[in-house]
């Protein structure tokens, strides 16, 4: 593969641009720009792509050497914590955030309705009192 963009596309594999961009922490447009060789990713993005896919940094940047390392480096606890979430996890987190936002909106509406109900209950009590007073005097 002659270009960095083609190697990034290869590394992404069958994962959609949208999902993969979420995994590596860039916008879908940025990832598309890298893959079309319109822009170059910064070092952090290159390292995230390599960590997520297992592709060697040398191959991704230059096309030289083996795409996949001969033997994976032993995983340390720090490396495990730095691993990026899978595409499914990113989608689930987005869905959970959307549900949380909807829940917050419904809670705000519920509070507004309780206040309105309370205000109307007070008004109804006053009207009943006024009606009873008027019936006795009238």
C-alpha atoms as a PDB file:
ATOM      1  CA  UNK A   1       0.000   0.000   0.000  1.00  0.00           C
ATOM      2  CA  UNK A   2       1.528   3.178  -1.178  1.00  0.00           C
ATOM      3  CA  UNK A   3      -0.095   5.848   0.986  1.00  0.00           C
ATOM      4  CA  UNK A   4      -0.684   6.402   4.667  1.00  0.00           C
ATOM      5  CA  UNK A   5      -4.394   6.825   3.946  1.00  0.00           C
ATOM      6  CA  UNK A   6      -4.584   3.412   2.291  1.00  0.00           C
ATOM      7  CA  UNK A   7      -2.776   1.829   5.248  1.00  0.00           C
ATOM      8  CA  UNK A   8      -5.162   3.517   7.713  1.00  0.00           C
ATOM      9  CA  UNK A   9      -8.115   2.173   5.677  1.00  0.00           C
ATOM     10  CA  UNK A  10      -6.531  -1.291   5.786  1.00  0.00           C
ATOM     11  CA  UNK A  11      -5.959  -1.036   9.544  1.00  0.00           C
ATOM     12  CA  UNK A  12      -9.582   0.037  10.087  1.00  0.00           C
ATOM     13  CA  UNK A  13     -10.779  -3.083   8.308  1.00  0.00           C
ATOM     14  CA  UNK A  14     -14.534  -3.651   8.295  1.00  0.00           C
ATOM     15  CA  UNK A  15     -15.264  -1.248  11.145  1.00  0.00           C
ATOM     16  CA  UNK A  16     -17.261   1.751   9.908  1.00  0.00           C
ATOM     17  CA  UNK A  17     -15.572   5.146   9.769  1.00  0.00           C
ATOM     18  CA  UNK A  18     -18.069   6.435  12.299  1.00  0.00           C
ATOM     19  CA  UNK A  19     -17.355   3.688  14.835  1.00  0.00           C
ATOM     20  CA  UNK A  20     -13.584   3.689  14.297  1.00  0.00           C
ATOM     21  CA  UNK A  21     -13.355   7.474  14.586  1.00  0.00           C
ATOM     22  CA  UNK A  22     -15.115   7.202  17.965  1.00  0.00           C
ATOM     23  CA  UNK A  23     -12.678   4.520  19.067  1.00  0.00           C
ATOM     24  CA  UNK A  24      -9.597   6.569  18.217  1.00  0.00           C
ATOM     25  CA  UNK A  25     -11.092   9.850  19.428  1.00  0.00           C
ATOM     26  CA  UNK A  26     -11.327  11.880  16.214  1.00  0.00           C
ATOM     27  CA  UNK A  27     -14.246  13.075  14.132  1.00  0.00           C
ATOM     28  CA  UNK A  28     -15.503  11.013  11.223  1.00  0.00           C
ATOM     29  CA  UNK A  29     -14.495  13.860   8.910  1.00  0.00           C
ATOM     30  CA  UNK A  30     -10.942  13.840  10.238  1.00  0.00           C
ATOM     31  CA  UNK A  31     -10.660  10.095   9.734  1.00  0.00           C
ATOM     32  CA  UNK A  32     -11.996  10.472   6.185  1.00  0.00           C
ATOM     33  CA  UNK A  33      -9.398  13.181   5.529  1.00  0.00           C
ATOM     34  CA  UNK A  34      -6.619  10.877   6.717  1.00  0.00           C
ATOM     35  CA  UNK A  35      -7.874   8.021   4.561  1.00  0.00           C
ATOM     36  CA  UNK A  36      -8.102  10.273   1.477  1.00  0.00           C
ATOM     37  CA  UNK A  37      -4.565  11.575   2.184  1.00  0.00           C
ATOM     38  CA  UNK A  38      -5.906  15.117   2.559  1.00  0.00           C
ATOM     39  CA  UNK A  39      -4.571  15.481   6.125  1.00  0.00           C
ATOM     40  CA  UNK A  40      -1.984  13.772   8.305  1.00  0.00           C
ATOM     41  CA  UNK A  41      -2.918  12.400  11.730  1.00  0.00           C
ATOM     42  CA  UNK A  42      -0.921  13.569  14.721  1.00  0.00           C
ATOM     43  CA  UNK A  43       1.278  11.185  16.677  1.00  0.00           C
ATOM     44  CA  UNK A  44      -1.388  10.444  19.299  1.00  0.00           C
ATOM     45  CA  UNK A  45      -3.870   9.374  16.628  1.00  0.00           C
ATOM     46  CA  UNK A  46      -1.281   7.161  14.906  1.00  0.00           C
ATOM     47  CA  UNK A  47      -0.490   5.475  18.223  1.00  0.00           C
ATOM     48  CA  UNK A  48      -4.193   4.961  18.995  1.00  0.00           C
ATOM     49  CA  UNK A  49      -4.737   3.386  15.564  1.00  0.00           C
ATOM     50  CA  UNK A  50      -1.790   1.054  16.111  1.00  0.00           C
ATOM     51  CA  UNK A  51      -2.862   0.114  19.658  1.00  0.00           C
ATOM     52  CA  UNK A  52      -6.444  -0.524  18.617  1.00  0.00           C
ATOM     53  CA  UNK A  53      -5.648  -2.576  15.516  1.00  0.00           C
ATOM     54  CA  UNK A  54      -2.362  -4.251  16.433  1.00  0.00           C
ATOM     55  CA  UNK A  55      -0.701  -2.777  13.334  1.00  0.00           C
ATOM     56  CA  UNK A  56       2.961  -1.814  13.776  1.00  0.00           C
ATOM     57  CA  UNK A  57       3.775   1.898  13.865  1.00  0.00           C
ATOM     58  CA  UNK A  58       6.590   1.434  11.337  1.00  0.00           C
ATOM     59  CA  UNK A  59       4.306  -0.223   8.799  1.00  0.00           C
ATOM     60  CA  UNK A  60       1.495   2.289   9.286  1.00  0.00           C
ATOM     61  CA  UNK A  61       3.779   5.291   8.808  1.00  0.00           C
ATOM     62  CA  UNK A  62       6.157   3.988   6.131  1.00  0.00           C
ATOM     63  CA  UNK A  63       4.704   0.827   4.655  1.00  0.00           C
ATOM     64  CA  UNK A  64       7.974  -0.913   5.536  1.00  0.00           C
ATOM     65  CA  UNK A  65       8.383  -3.920   7.768  1.00  0.00           C
ATOM     66  CA  UNK A  66       5.606  -6.272   8.784  1.00  0.00           C
ATOM     67  CA  UNK A  67       2.115  -4.925   9.251  1.00  0.00           C
ATOM     68  CA  UNK A  68       1.588  -7.060  12.328  1.00  0.00           C
ATOM     69  CA  UNK A  69       4.330  -7.493  14.922  1.00  0.00           C
ATOM     70  CA  UNK A  70       5.838 -11.000  15.092  1.00  0.00           C
ATOM     71  CA  UNK A  71       4.913 -11.411  18.755  1.00  0.00           C
ATOM     72  CA  UNK A  72       2.707  -9.049  20.680  1.00  0.00           C
ATOM     73  CA  UNK A  73       4.385  -7.215  23.521  1.00  0.00           C
ATOM     74  CA  UNK A  74       3.346  -8.421  26.963  1.00  0.00           C
ATOM     75  CA  UNK A  75       0.451  -6.414  28.258  1.00  0.00           C
ATOM     76  CA  UNK A  76       1.039  -4.361  31.370  1.00  0.00           C
ATOM     77  CA  UNK A  77      -1.686  -2.963  33.623  1.00  0.00           C
ATOM     78  CA  UNK A  78      -0.926   0.548  32.344  1.00  0.00           C
ATOM     79  CA  UNK A  79      -1.344  -0.606  28.742  1.00  0.00           C
ATOM     80  CA  UNK A  80      -4.600  -2.353  29.597  1.00  0.00           C
ATOM     81  CA  UNK A  81      -5.991   0.870  31.074  1.00  0.00           C
ATOM     82  CA  UNK A  82      -4.950   2.832  27.988  1.00  0.00           C
ATOM     83  CA  UNK A  83      -6.734   0.497  25.584  1.00  0.00           C
ATOM     84  CA  UNK A  84      -9.512   2.120  23.658  1.00  0.00           C
ATOM     85  CA  UNK A  85     -13.067   0.833  23.917  1.00  0.00           C
ATOM     86  CA  UNK A  86     -14.478  -1.353  21.175  1.00  0.00           C
ATOM     87  CA  UNK A  87     -16.812   0.117  18.563  1.00  0.00           C
ATOM     88  CA  UNK A  88     -19.823  -1.556  20.208  1.00  0.00           C
ATOM     89  CA  UNK A  89     -18.883  -0.027  23.558  1.00  0.00           C
ATOM     90  CA  UNK A  90     -18.670   3.429  21.993  1.00  0.00           C
ATOM     91  CA  UNK A  91     -22.141   3.006  20.467  1.00  0.00           C
ATOM     92  CA  UNK A  92     -23.545   1.759  23.779  1.00  0.00           C
ATOM     93  CA  UNK A  93     -22.023   4.713  25.644  1.00  0.00           C
ATOM     94  CA  UNK A  94     -23.556   7.095  23.103  1.00  0.00           C
ATOM     95  CA  UNK A  95     -26.946   5.398  23.525  1.00  0.00           C
ATOM     96  CA  UNK A  96     -26.691   5.589  27.319  1.00  0.00           C
ATOM     97  CA  UNK A  97     -25.787   9.287  27.146  1.00  0.00           C
ATOM     98  CA  UNK A  98     -28.785   9.928  24.889  1.00  0.00           C
ATOM     99  CA  UNK A  99     -31.069   8.088  27.332  1.00  0.00           C
ATOM    100  CA  UNK A 100     -29.602  10.056  30.250  1.00  0.00           C
ATOM    101  CA  UNK A 101     -30.294  13.322  28.432  1.00  0.00           C
ATOM    102  CA  UNK A 102     -33.887  12.234  27.769  1.00  0.00           C
ATOM    103  CA  UNK A 103     -34.243  11.230  31.429  1.00  0.00           C
ATOM    104  CA  UNK A 104     -32.992  14.666  32.543  1.00  0.00           C
ATOM    105  CA  UNK A 105     -35.499  16.366  30.215  1.00  0.00           C
ATOM    106  CA  UNK A 106     -38.354  14.188  31.498  1.00  0.00           C
ATOM    107  CA  UNK A 107     -37.384  14.901  35.113  1.00  0.00           C
ATOM    108  CA  UNK A 108     -37.439  18.639  34.414  1.00  0.00           C
ATOM    109  CA  UNK A 109     -40.874  18.313  32.768  1.00  0.00           C
ATOM    110  CA  UNK A 110     -42.098  16.203  35.692  1.00  0.00           C
ATOM    111  CA  UNK A 111     -40.962  18.883  38.191  1.00  0.00           C
ATOM    112  CA  UNK A 112     -42.728  21.550  36.138  1.00  0.00           C
ATOM    113  CA  UNK A 113     -45.934  19.504  36.097  1.00  0.00           C
ATOM    114  CA  UNK A 114     -45.808  18.884  39.869  1.00  0.00           C
ATOM    115  CA  UNK A 115     -45.461  22.627  40.468  1.00  0.00           C
ATOM    116  CA  UNK A 116     -48.372  23.313  38.128  1.00  0.00           C
ATOM    117  CA  UNK A 117     -50.472  20.645  39.857  1.00  0.00           C
ATOM    118  CA  UNK A 118     -49.692  22.173  43.236  1.00  0.00           C
ATOM    119  CA  UNK A 119     -50.621  25.649  41.996  1.00  0.00           C
ATOM    120  CA  UNK A 120     -53.897  24.362  40.557  1.00  0.00           C
ATOM    121  CA  UNK A 121     -54.729  22.464  43.775  1.00  0.00           C
ATOM    122  CA  UNK A 122     -54.322  25.668  45.797  1.00  0.00           C
ATOM    123  CA  UNK A 123     -56.501  27.547  43.306  1.00  0.00           C
ATOM    124  CA  UNK A 124     -59.192  24.824  43.448  1.00  0.00           C
ATOM    125  CA  UNK A 125     -59.195  24.936  47.260  1.00  0.00           C
ATOM    126  CA  UNK A 126     -59.659  28.718  47.171  1.00  0.00           C
ATOM    127  CA  UNK A 127     -62.517  28.409  44.682  1.00  0.00           C
ATOM    128  CA  UNK A 128     -64.242  25.784  46.832  1.00  0.00           C
ATOM    129  CA  UNK A 129     -63.863  28.015  49.885  1.00  0.00           C
ATOM    130  CA  UNK A 130     -65.192  30.988  47.954  1.00  0.00           C
ATOM    131  CA  UNK A 131     -68.117  28.872  46.644  1.00  0.00           C
ATOM    132  CA  UNK A 132     -69.010  27.621  50.143  1.00  0.00           C
ATOM    133  CA  UNK A 133     -68.861  31.162  51.573  1.00  0.00           C
ATOM    134  CA  UNK A 134     -71.044  32.500  48.788  1.00  0.00           C
ATOM    135  CA  UNK A 135     -73.611  29.667  49.200  1.00  0.00           C
ATOM    136  CA  UNK A 136     -73.997  30.479  52.905  1.00  0.00           C
ATOM    137  CA  UNK A 137     -74.421  34.195  52.321  1.00  0.00           C
ATOM    138  CA  UNK A 138     -76.462  34.043  49.182  1.00  0.00           C
END
